[in-house]
Amino acid sequence: MTKAVLIAGTNSGVGKTTASMGLMAALVKRGMQVQPYKVGPDYIDPSYHTAICKRASRNLDTFMMEVEGVKREVARTSGGSDISVIEGVMGLFDGMDSTEVASSAHVAKSLDVPVILVVNVHGMSRSAAAIVKGYAEFDPGVEVAGVILNKVGSPRHAKMIRDCIPDIPIVGALPRNKDISVPSRHLGLHMAFECEFDTSELAGFIEENVDLDAIIGLSREPNTYAYEEKEIPETDLKIGVAMDKAFCFYYADMFDEFRRNGAEVVFFSPMAGELPDVDGMYFGGGYPELYPCELEASATTKALKDLSADGMPIYGECGGLQYLSTSYEIDDITYKMADLFPARTVLTKKLQALGYTEGYAHGAFIKGPVRGHEFHYSATYCDNDARLTFEMKRGKGIKDGWDGIVEHNSLACYQHAHPVSFPVKAFVDMCREYKRS
């Protein structure tokens, strides 16, 4: 089993993403095979991990996947790598509500891997020792094995802090560098394919200021479950996955699960008007609000309503829901969308929902408990005859604690799902039935 290390921060914005991506880039530069992971429900950071490591980054989330799912994920995907680097989320101990669930600490404990803590030391010296001591002793089940100091003012500043923290290795001291950054927007960073990101500069920055050998030495084999890949069945159907600048929020695991259930994944661009010959479609989240003119004019948009009425299974999440609605109002301009559902969407100035979701699905191809997450700056208003099938115990959904709008064999929701908590087999089987009809 490949050894692993988790890079965590004292809080959001402390520099753990820069440290994590830089560590990945520096290790790849050494010629190592690095398997990247991201704690929590994130699509954007993993896009950078994947670009840097040339291996699909995987999410580790103890709420959506539970501890067993996290262990199986690492066992399944880390093979063939020299080291696994896990980027944390928020502050080390920040989980769902006031619990440890879904926190970086919970993942570190579940896998029994060491933590490298990133601390922003701008404007402090000896106080950094108090912060490190508190994080190191807060939960005995979490091993803070090393520290990376960020935004160090000078070599003297770094030495002052090192002298105050004798018990835990300081494995890096990163000076302030405004050139090392990634542009952001309302849903987070730009996706990796949308901007130029000089990994050689980032790798050099980390090589110069971080002891890579020390981090490698601190890494440890994770505690996982034995995993044996099942034989993939012969492909007998195709599922089209919308993939372009408007639709780009996907878990690589979802594609893996489609293939394990006998489906070929066919990527296509709604923005370009592509319409593949497939037996079902999946529209993930992304940024349809940035490309409403292209989507309104797209031949794909105009064709989807008839395909849905014909019974083709079509599934959409968040951005997919917005696109599959009747219309999308953005800055007081209304754009015609695919019109699969009796609902219209409006882009809002304020965040409408952010957090984990949980509920029970009463219909379509999803029946039973559902778990996921939502994050959107839009509101969807349904007609009186709209059918909503997800009864939410946690999360906002579309309306009054309900999510999952259904029409024919089409379903769309604000909830983003992970394949561990999504009935992939049921969706693929429905696509298979449609192909045979």
Protein backbone atom coordinates (compact mmCIF):
# COMPACT_ATOMS: atom_id res chain seq x y z
CA MET A 1 0.00 0.00 0.00
CA THR A 2 1.27 3.46 -0.90
CA LYS A 3 2.17 5.74 2.00
CA ALA A 4 0.10 8.88 2.51
CA VAL A 5 0.13 12.28 4.17
CA LEU A 6 -2.68 14.81 4.72
CA ILE A 7 -2.10 18.55 4.31
CA ALA A 8 -4.45 20.52 6.59
CA GLY A 9 -4.84 24.14 7.60
CA THR A 10 -5.71 25.90 10.82
CA ASN A 11 -8.54 27.56 8.88
CA SER A 12 -9.74 28.34 5.35
CA GLY A 13 -7.50 30.67 3.36
CA VAL A 14 -4.40 29.76 5.31
CA GLY A 15 -2.52 28.43 2.27
CA LYS A 16 -3.16 24.68 2.40
CA THR A 17 -4.23 24.57 -1.26
CA THR A 18 -0.99 26.24 -2.37
CA ALA A 19 1.01 23.92 -0.11
CA SER A 20 -0.86 20.82 -1.28
CA MET A 21 -0.67 21.59 -5.00
CA GLY A 22 2.93 22.71 -4.65
CA LEU A 23 3.87 19.51 -2.83
CA MET A 24 2.19 17.44 -5.54
CA ALA A 25 4.00 19.39 -8.28
CA ALA A 26 7.38 19.13 -6.56
CA LEU A 27 7.03 15.37 -6.02
CA VAL A 28 5.95 14.86 -9.63
CA LYS A 29 8.96 16.91 -10.72
CA ARG A 30 11.10 14.37 -8.84
CA GLY A 31 9.63 11.66 -11.03
CA MET A 32 7.26 10.25 -8.43
CA GLN A 33 3.78 8.92 -9.15
CA VAL A 34 1.50 10.96 -6.88
CA GLN A 35 -2.10 9.98 -6.14
CA PRO A 36 -4.04 13.11 -5.15
CA TYR A 37 -7.10 13.29 -2.91
CA LYS A 38 -9.35 16.06 -1.63
CA VAL A 39 -11.31 15.99 1.61
CA GLY A 40 -14.93 17.01 1.18
CA PRO A 41 -17.32 17.69 -1.69
CA ASP A 42 -15.09 19.72 -4.00
CA TYR A 43 -14.79 19.66 -7.80
CA ILE A 44 -12.42 22.56 -8.39
CA ASP A 45 -9.30 21.73 -6.37
CA PRO A 46 -9.34 18.15 -7.73
CA SER A 47 -9.22 19.55 -11.28
CA TYR A 48 -5.83 21.07 -10.42
CA HIS A 49 -4.66 17.93 -8.66
CA THR A 50 -5.50 15.88 -11.74
CA ALA A 51 -3.72 18.31 -14.06
CA ILE A 52 -0.61 18.29 -11.87
CA CYS A 53 -0.39 14.58 -11.09
CA LYS A 54 -1.86 13.16 -14.33
CA ARG A 55 -3.93 10.86 -12.12
CA ALA A 56 -7.60 11.48 -11.36
CA SER A 57 -7.98 13.17 -7.99
CA ARG A 58 -10.52 11.49 -5.72
CA ASN A 59 -12.73 12.93 -2.98
CA LEU A 60 -12.75 11.55 0.55
CA ASP A 61 -15.89 12.45 2.48
CA THR A 62 -16.94 10.62 5.63
CA PHE A 63 -20.50 11.96 5.44
CA MET A 64 -21.38 11.01 1.86
CA MET A 65 -19.11 7.95 1.71
CA GLU A 66 -18.92 7.05 5.41
CA VAL A 67 -15.65 5.76 6.89
CA GLU A 68 -15.87 2.43 5.07
CA GLY A 69 -16.28 4.19 1.73
CA VAL A 70 -13.26 6.41 2.36
CA LYS A 71 -11.10 3.40 3.19
CA ARG A 72 -12.24 1.49 0.13
CA GLU A 73 -11.65 4.54 -2.08
CA VAL A 74 -8.00 4.86 -1.06
CA ALA A 75 -7.44 1.12 -1.40
CA ARG A 76 -9.06 1.13 -4.84
CA THR A 77 -7.34 4.16 -6.33
CA SER A 78 -3.86 4.49 -4.78
CA GLY A 79 -2.34 1.45 -6.47
CA GLY A 80 0.68 2.14 -8.69
CA SER A 81 1.52 5.43 -6.99
CA ASP A 82 4.60 6.23 -4.92
CA ILE A 83 2.81 8.47 -2.43
CA SER A 84 -0.69 9.78 -1.78
CA VAL A 85 -1.17 13.45 -0.94
CA ILE A 86 -4.52 14.39 0.62
CA GLU A 87 -5.58 18.04 0.63
CA GLY A 88 -7.77 18.90 3.59
CA VAL A 89 -10.82 21.13 3.79
CA MET A 90 -11.43 24.28 5.88
CA GLY A 91 -9.70 24.06 9.27
CA LEU A 92 -8.36 20.71 10.43
CA PHE A 93 -11.20 20.00 12.86
CA ASP A 94 -14.06 21.72 11.01
CA GLY A 95 -16.74 19.16 10.23
CA MET A 96 -20.47 18.99 9.70
CA ASP A 97 -22.24 21.18 12.27
CA SER A 98 -20.31 20.84 15.53
CA THR A 99 -19.11 17.28 14.86
CA GLU A 100 -15.92 15.83 13.42
CA VAL A 101 -17.84 14.14 10.58
CA ALA A 102 -16.55 15.15 7.13
CA SER A 103 -13.59 17.04 8.60
CA SER A 104 -9.96 16.63 7.60
CA ALA A 105 -9.32 15.29 11.09
CA HIS A 106 -11.99 12.60 10.65
CA VAL A 107 -10.40 11.46 7.39
CA ALA A 108 -6.93 11.45 8.97
CA LYS A 109 -8.22 9.37 11.91
CA SER A 110 -10.16 7.02 9.67
CA LEU A 111 -7.09 6.29 7.55
CA ASP A 112 -4.56 6.71 10.38
CA VAL A 113 -2.37 9.02 8.31
CA PRO A 114 -0.18 11.86 9.62
CA VAL A 115 -1.14 15.51 9.24
CA ILE A 116 1.10 18.34 8.05
CA LEU A 117 -0.44 21.52 9.49
CA VAL A 118 -0.23 24.75 7.50
CA VAL A 119 -0.15 27.86 9.73
CA ASN A 120 -0.31 31.45 8.51
CA VAL A 121 2.26 33.15 10.76
CA HIS A 122 1.91 36.65 9.35
CA GLY A 123 2.02 39.11 12.25
CA MET A 124 3.00 36.60 14.94
CA SER A 125 6.01 34.72 16.30
CA ARG A 126 5.74 32.87 19.64
CA SER A 127 1.95 32.83 19.35
CA ALA A 128 2.36 30.34 16.51
CA ALA A 129 3.62 27.83 19.07
CA ALA A 130 0.37 28.15 21.02
CA ILE A 131 -1.64 27.50 17.86
CA VAL A 132 0.40 24.43 16.96
CA LYS A 133 0.24 23.10 20.52
CA GLY A 134 -3.53 23.49 20.57
CA TYR A 135 -4.02 21.70 17.26
CA ALA A 136 -1.59 18.94 18.20
CA GLU A 137 -3.29 18.19 21.51
CA PHE A 138 -6.95 18.85 20.72
CA ASP A 139 -7.66 15.30 19.55
CA PRO A 140 -5.17 12.55 20.53
CA GLY A 141 -6.45 10.46 17.64
CA VAL A 142 -5.04 12.95 15.12
CA GLU A 143 -1.29 13.05 14.65
CA VAL A 144 0.06 16.48 13.73
CA ALA A 145 3.40 15.18 12.49
CA GLY A 146 4.82 18.34 10.93
CA VAL A 147 4.19 22.02 10.32
CA ILE A 148 4.49 24.29 7.29
CA LEU A 149 4.75 27.98 8.16
CA ASN A 150 3.14 30.23 5.57
CA LYS A 151 3.67 33.95 4.88
CA VAL A 152 6.96 34.05 6.73
CA GLY A 153 8.44 37.55 6.79
CA SER A 154 12.15 36.67 6.81
CA PRO A 155 14.62 33.90 7.71
CA ARG A 156 14.90 35.49 11.16
CA HIS A 157 11.12 35.36 11.55
CA ALA A 158 11.15 31.67 10.62
CA LYS A 159 13.96 30.92 13.12
CA MET A 160 12.10 32.65 15.94
CA ILE A 161 9.09 30.41 15.37
CA ARG A 162 11.18 27.26 14.93
CA ASP A 163 12.83 27.92 18.28
CA CYS A 164 9.39 28.14 19.91
CA ILE A 165 8.18 24.78 18.54
CA PRO A 166 10.81 22.19 19.49
CA ASP A 167 8.55 19.12 19.65
CA ILE A 168 7.04 19.04 16.15
CA PRO A 169 9.18 19.29 12.99
CA ILE A 170 8.88 22.48 10.97
CA VAL A 171 9.08 20.95 7.50
CA GLY A 172 8.58 24.16 5.54
CA ALA A 173 8.64 27.95 5.77
CA LEU A 174 6.95 29.69 2.83
CA PRO A 175 7.76 33.37 2.32
CA ARG A 176 5.06 35.75 1.15
CA ASN A 177 4.68 35.47 -2.62
CA LYS A 178 1.79 37.25 -4.33
CA ASP A 179 2.68 35.62 -7.66
CA ILE A 180 1.69 32.16 -6.38
CA SER A 181 -2.12 32.30 -6.61
CA VAL A 182 -5.09 31.01 -8.56
CA PRO A 183 -7.92 33.36 -9.67
CA SER A 184 -11.25 32.81 -7.94
CA ARG A 185 -14.95 33.56 -8.45
CA HIS A 186 -18.25 33.01 -6.68
CA LEU A 187 -18.13 29.19 -6.59
CA GLY A 188 -14.42 29.04 -5.73
CA LEU A 189 -11.35 28.89 -7.91
CA HIS A 190 -11.47 28.73 -11.68
CA MET A 191 -11.29 25.16 -13.00
CA ALA A 192 -7.80 24.06 -14.00
CA PHE A 193 -8.62 23.99 -17.73
CA GLU A 194 -9.84 27.61 -17.63
CA CYS A 195 -6.62 29.37 -16.68
CA GLU A 196 -2.88 29.20 -17.08
CA PHE A 197 -1.27 27.83 -13.96
CA ASP A 198 2.52 27.52 -13.92
CA THR A 199 3.19 24.32 -11.99
CA SER A 200 6.94 24.57 -12.58
CA GLU A 201 7.05 27.87 -10.70
CA LEU A 202 4.92 26.40 -7.92
CA ALA A 203 7.08 23.26 -7.74
CA GLY A 204 10.23 25.38 -7.55
CA PHE A 205 8.72 27.52 -4.79
CA ILE A 206 7.98 24.42 -2.69
CA GLU A 207 11.33 22.76 -3.45
CA GLU A 208 13.13 25.84 -2.23
CA ASN A 209 11.16 26.27 0.97
CA VAL A 210 9.92 22.83 2.03
CA ASP A 211 11.85 19.73 3.13
CA LEU A 212 10.36 17.18 0.75
CA ASP A 213 12.42 14.33 2.17
CA ALA A 214 11.11 15.07 5.65
CA ILE A 215 7.50 14.93 4.44
CA ILE A 216 8.14 11.68 2.57
CA GLY A 217 9.72 10.31 5.74
CA LEU A 218 6.70 11.30 7.83
CA SER A 219 4.19 9.70 5.44
CA ARG A 220 2.63 6.44 6.52
CA GLU A 221 0.73 3.55 4.99
CA PRO A 222 -2.98 4.27 5.46
CA ASN A 223 -5.36 1.94 7.26
CA THR A 224 -7.69 0.76 4.50
CA TYR A 225 -9.83 -2.20 3.54
CA ALA A 226 -8.60 -4.86 1.19
CA TYR A 227 -10.06 -4.13 -2.21
CA GLU A 228 -10.37 -6.40 -5.21
CA GLU A 229 -11.60 -4.85 -8.44
CA LYS A 230 -14.52 -6.74 -9.92
CA GLU A 231 -14.41 -7.75 -13.55
CA ILE A 232 -15.95 -5.00 -15.66
CA PRO A 233 -18.86 -6.35 -17.71
CA GLU A 234 -19.02 -6.02 -21.45
CA THR A 235 -20.32 -2.62 -22.52
CA ASP A 236 -23.87 -2.79 -23.86
CA LEU A 237 -25.06 0.84 -23.71
CA LYS A 238 -23.85 4.44 -23.79
CA ILE A 239 -24.38 7.31 -21.38
CA GLY A 240 -23.71 10.83 -22.59
CA VAL A 241 -22.02 13.14 -20.08
CA ALA A 242 -22.16 16.90 -20.72
CA MET A 243 -18.58 18.16 -20.45
CA ASP A 244 -17.56 21.70 -21.33
CA LYS A 245 -17.12 25.09 -19.65
CA ALA A 246 -20.79 25.15 -18.64
CA PHE A 247 -20.87 21.61 -17.21
CA CYS A 248 -17.69 20.51 -15.48
CA PHE A 249 -18.50 19.46 -11.89
CA TYR A 250 -18.14 15.69 -11.75
CA TYR A 251 -16.64 13.01 -9.56
CA ALA A 252 -14.33 10.69 -11.48
CA ASP A 253 -15.82 7.90 -9.37
CA MET A 254 -19.19 8.39 -11.05
CA PHE A 255 -17.69 7.60 -14.46
CA ASP A 256 -15.96 4.55 -12.97
CA GLU A 257 -19.28 3.30 -11.62
CA PHE A 258 -21.03 3.79 -14.95
CA ARG A 259 -18.36 1.64 -16.59
CA ARG A 260 -18.53 -1.02 -13.85
CA ASN A 261 -22.22 -1.36 -14.66
CA GLY A 262 -21.65 -1.93 -18.37
CA ALA A 263 -22.00 1.63 -19.68
CA GLU A 264 -19.65 3.43 -22.04
CA VAL A 265 -19.20 7.09 -21.06
CA VAL A 266 -19.49 9.48 -24.01
CA PHE A 267 -18.51 13.09 -23.34
CA PHE A 268 -20.19 15.83 -25.35
CA SER A 269 -20.54 19.62 -25.33
CA PRO A 270 -24.01 21.21 -25.11
CA MET A 271 -22.38 24.59 -25.73
CA ALA A 272 -21.14 23.29 -29.09
CA GLY A 273 -24.54 21.83 -29.96
CA GLU A 274 -23.35 18.23 -29.84
CA LEU A 275 -25.91 15.45 -29.52
CA PRO A 276 -24.36 11.99 -29.20
CA ASP A 277 -26.15 8.75 -30.02
CA VAL A 278 -26.61 7.51 -26.44
CA ASP A 279 -29.12 5.72 -24.23
CA GLY A 280 -29.15 8.23 -21.35
CA MET A 281 -27.67 11.58 -20.37
CA TYR A 282 -26.07 13.13 -17.30
CA PHE A 283 -25.74 16.89 -16.84
CA GLY A 284 -23.51 17.81 -13.91
CA GLY A 285 -23.01 21.15 -12.24
CA GLY A 286 -20.81 23.95 -13.45
CA TYR A 287 -21.33 27.45 -14.79
CA PRO A 288 -24.34 27.59 -17.17
CA GLU A 289 -24.96 31.13 -15.88
CA LEU A 290 -21.79 32.27 -17.66
CA TYR A 291 -22.87 30.93 -21.07
CA PRO A 292 -26.65 31.47 -21.39
CA CYS A 293 -26.49 32.78 -24.98
CA GLU A 294 -24.53 29.78 -26.21
CA LEU A 295 -26.83 27.36 -24.40
CA GLU A 296 -30.02 29.05 -25.59
CA ALA A 297 -28.84 28.84 -29.22
CA SER A 298 -27.52 25.29 -28.92
CA ALA A 299 -29.00 22.49 -31.01
CA THR A 300 -28.58 20.27 -27.94
CA THR A 301 -30.92 22.49 -25.94
CA LYS A 302 -33.58 22.34 -28.61
CA ALA A 303 -33.44 18.53 -28.91
CA LEU A 304 -33.59 17.47 -25.26
CA LYS A 305 -37.32 17.96 -24.65
CA ASP A 306 -38.28 15.46 -27.35
CA LEU A 307 -35.71 12.95 -26.07
CA SER A 308 -37.12 13.26 -22.57
CA ALA A 309 -40.70 12.85 -23.82
CA ASP A 310 -39.55 9.73 -25.68
CA GLY A 311 -38.49 8.24 -22.36
CA MET A 312 -34.72 8.70 -22.44
CA PRO A 313 -33.38 8.78 -18.85
CA ILE A 314 -31.85 12.22 -18.27
CA TYR A 315 -30.33 13.25 -14.94
CA GLY A 316 -29.18 16.75 -13.94
CA GLU A 317 -27.52 18.23 -10.86
CA CYS A 318 -27.52 21.92 -9.88
CA GLY A 319 -26.21 23.51 -13.10
CA GLY A 320 -27.92 20.64 -14.89
CA LEU A 321 -31.19 21.51 -13.14
CA GLN A 322 -30.85 25.14 -14.20
CA TYR A 323 -30.20 24.14 -17.81
CA LEU A 324 -33.03 21.59 -17.94
CA SER A 325 -35.55 24.12 -16.63
CA THR A 326 -37.90 26.03 -18.92
CA SER A 327 -35.92 29.25 -18.65
CA TYR A 328 -33.01 30.89 -16.84
CA GLU A 329 -33.27 34.54 -15.78
CA ILE A 330 -29.88 36.24 -15.43
CA ASP A 331 -29.55 39.99 -14.72
CA ASP A 332 -33.20 40.57 -15.70
CA ILE A 333 -32.77 38.82 -19.06
CA THR A 334 -34.67 35.56 -19.58
CA TYR A 335 -33.04 32.85 -21.69
CA LYS A 336 -34.87 29.81 -23.03
CA MET A 337 -33.43 26.56 -21.76
CA ALA A 338 -34.16 22.89 -22.48
CA ASP A 339 -37.69 22.95 -20.98
CA LEU A 340 -37.70 19.40 -19.62
CA PHE A 341 -39.41 20.45 -16.39
CA PRO A 342 -42.25 22.84 -15.51
CA ALA A 343 -39.95 25.19 -13.63
CA ARG A 344 -37.96 28.35 -14.20
CA THR A 345 -34.64 29.33 -12.65
CA VAL A 346 -33.41 32.76 -11.54
CA LEU A 347 -29.78 33.63 -10.81
CA THR A 348 -29.55 35.43 -7.46
CA LYS A 349 -27.02 37.84 -6.00
CA LYS A 350 -26.87 36.01 -2.70
CA LEU A 351 -25.89 32.46 -1.87
CA GLN A 352 -29.05 30.34 -1.63
CA ALA A 353 -27.70 27.11 -0.17
CA LEU A 354 -24.41 25.64 0.98
CA GLY A 355 -23.87 22.39 2.85
CA TYR A 356 -24.64 18.72 3.07
CA THR A 357 -28.02 17.28 2.14
CA GLU A 358 -29.90 14.23 3.32
CA GLY A 359 -33.34 12.93 2.67
CA TYR A 360 -35.51 10.22 1.16
CA ALA A 361 -36.33 9.79 -2.51
CA HIS A 362 -39.86 8.65 -3.32
CA GLY A 363 -39.73 8.07 -7.04
CA ALA A 364 -38.06 7.98 -10.46
CA PHE A 365 -34.94 5.81 -10.55
CA ILE A 366 -33.86 7.07 -7.12
CA LYS A 367 -35.78 5.46 -4.28
CA GLY A 368 -34.66 5.37 -0.68
CA PRO A 369 -32.14 7.38 1.37
CA VAL A 370 -30.16 10.06 -0.45
CA ARG A 371 -27.07 12.00 0.65
CA GLY A 372 -25.12 14.72 -1.08
CA HIS A 373 -24.31 18.43 -0.96
CA GLU A 374 -25.62 21.67 -2.46
CA PHE A 375 -23.99 25.00 -3.34
CA HIS A 376 -25.80 27.49 -5.56
CA TYR A 377 -26.60 31.12 -6.23
CA SER A 378 -29.92 30.45 -7.94
CA ALA A 379 -33.55 29.73 -7.10
CA THR A 380 -35.86 27.45 -9.08
CA TYR A 381 -39.60 28.14 -9.11
CA CYS A 382 -41.86 25.22 -10.02
CA ASP A 383 -45.30 25.26 -11.63
CA ASN A 384 -48.16 23.91 -9.53
CA ASP A 385 -48.15 20.59 -11.39
CA ALA A 386 -44.42 19.91 -10.85
CA ARG A 387 -43.58 16.64 -9.11
CA LEU A 388 -40.86 16.81 -6.42
CA THR A 389 -39.62 13.47 -5.09
CA PHE A 390 -36.77 14.11 -2.62
CA GLU A 391 -38.11 14.76 0.87
CA MET A 392 -35.23 16.60 2.55
CA LYS A 393 -34.27 15.98 6.15
CA ARG A 394 -31.23 18.22 5.73
CA GLY A 395 -30.66 20.89 3.09
CA LYS A 396 -32.79 23.37 1.18
CA GLY A 397 -33.50 21.63 -2.14
CA ILE A 398 -35.79 23.27 -4.69
CA LYS A 399 -38.84 24.20 -2.60
CA ASP A 400 -40.09 23.84 0.96
CA GLY A 401 -37.65 21.09 1.88
CA TRP A 402 -38.19 19.13 -1.32
CA ASP A 403 -35.75 18.46 -4.17
CA GLY A 404 -35.68 16.18 -7.21
CA ILE A 405 -38.09 17.34 -9.90
CA VAL A 406 -39.36 14.54 -12.19
CA GLU A 407 -40.87 14.46 -15.67
CA HIS A 408 -41.08 11.24 -17.72
CA ASN A 409 -37.76 9.43 -16.99
CA SER A 410 -35.94 12.71 -16.40
CA LEU A 411 -34.85 13.87 -12.95
CA ALA A 412 -32.99 16.98 -11.81
CA CYS A 413 -32.09 18.34 -8.38
CA TYR A 414 -29.89 20.85 -6.60
CA GLN A 415 -28.25 18.03 -4.70
CA HIS A 416 -24.88 16.83 -5.99
CA ALA A 417 -24.48 13.11 -5.38
CA HIS A 418 -21.47 10.87 -4.93
CA PRO A 419 -21.71 7.38 -6.48
CA VAL A 420 -21.44 5.78 -3.04
CA SER A 421 -24.81 7.36 -2.20
CA PHE A 422 -26.28 7.44 -5.70
CA PRO A 423 -28.07 4.43 -7.29
CA VAL A 424 -25.82 4.16 -10.33
CA LYS A 425 -27.00 0.65 -11.16
CA ALA A 426 -30.67 1.75 -11.17
CA PHE A 427 -29.90 4.63 -13.53
CA VAL A 428 -27.84 2.44 -15.86
CA ASP A 429 -30.55 -0.24 -15.85
CA MET A 430 -33.13 2.38 -16.81
CA CYS A 431 -30.89 3.48 -19.70
CA ARG A 432 -30.58 -0.17 -20.71
CA GLU A 433 -34.36 -0.59 -20.73
CA TYR A 434 -34.73 2.55 -22.84
CA LYS A 435 -32.24 1.19 -25.36
CA ARG A 436 -34.20 -2.03 -25.71
CA SER A 437 -37.58 -0.31 -26.04
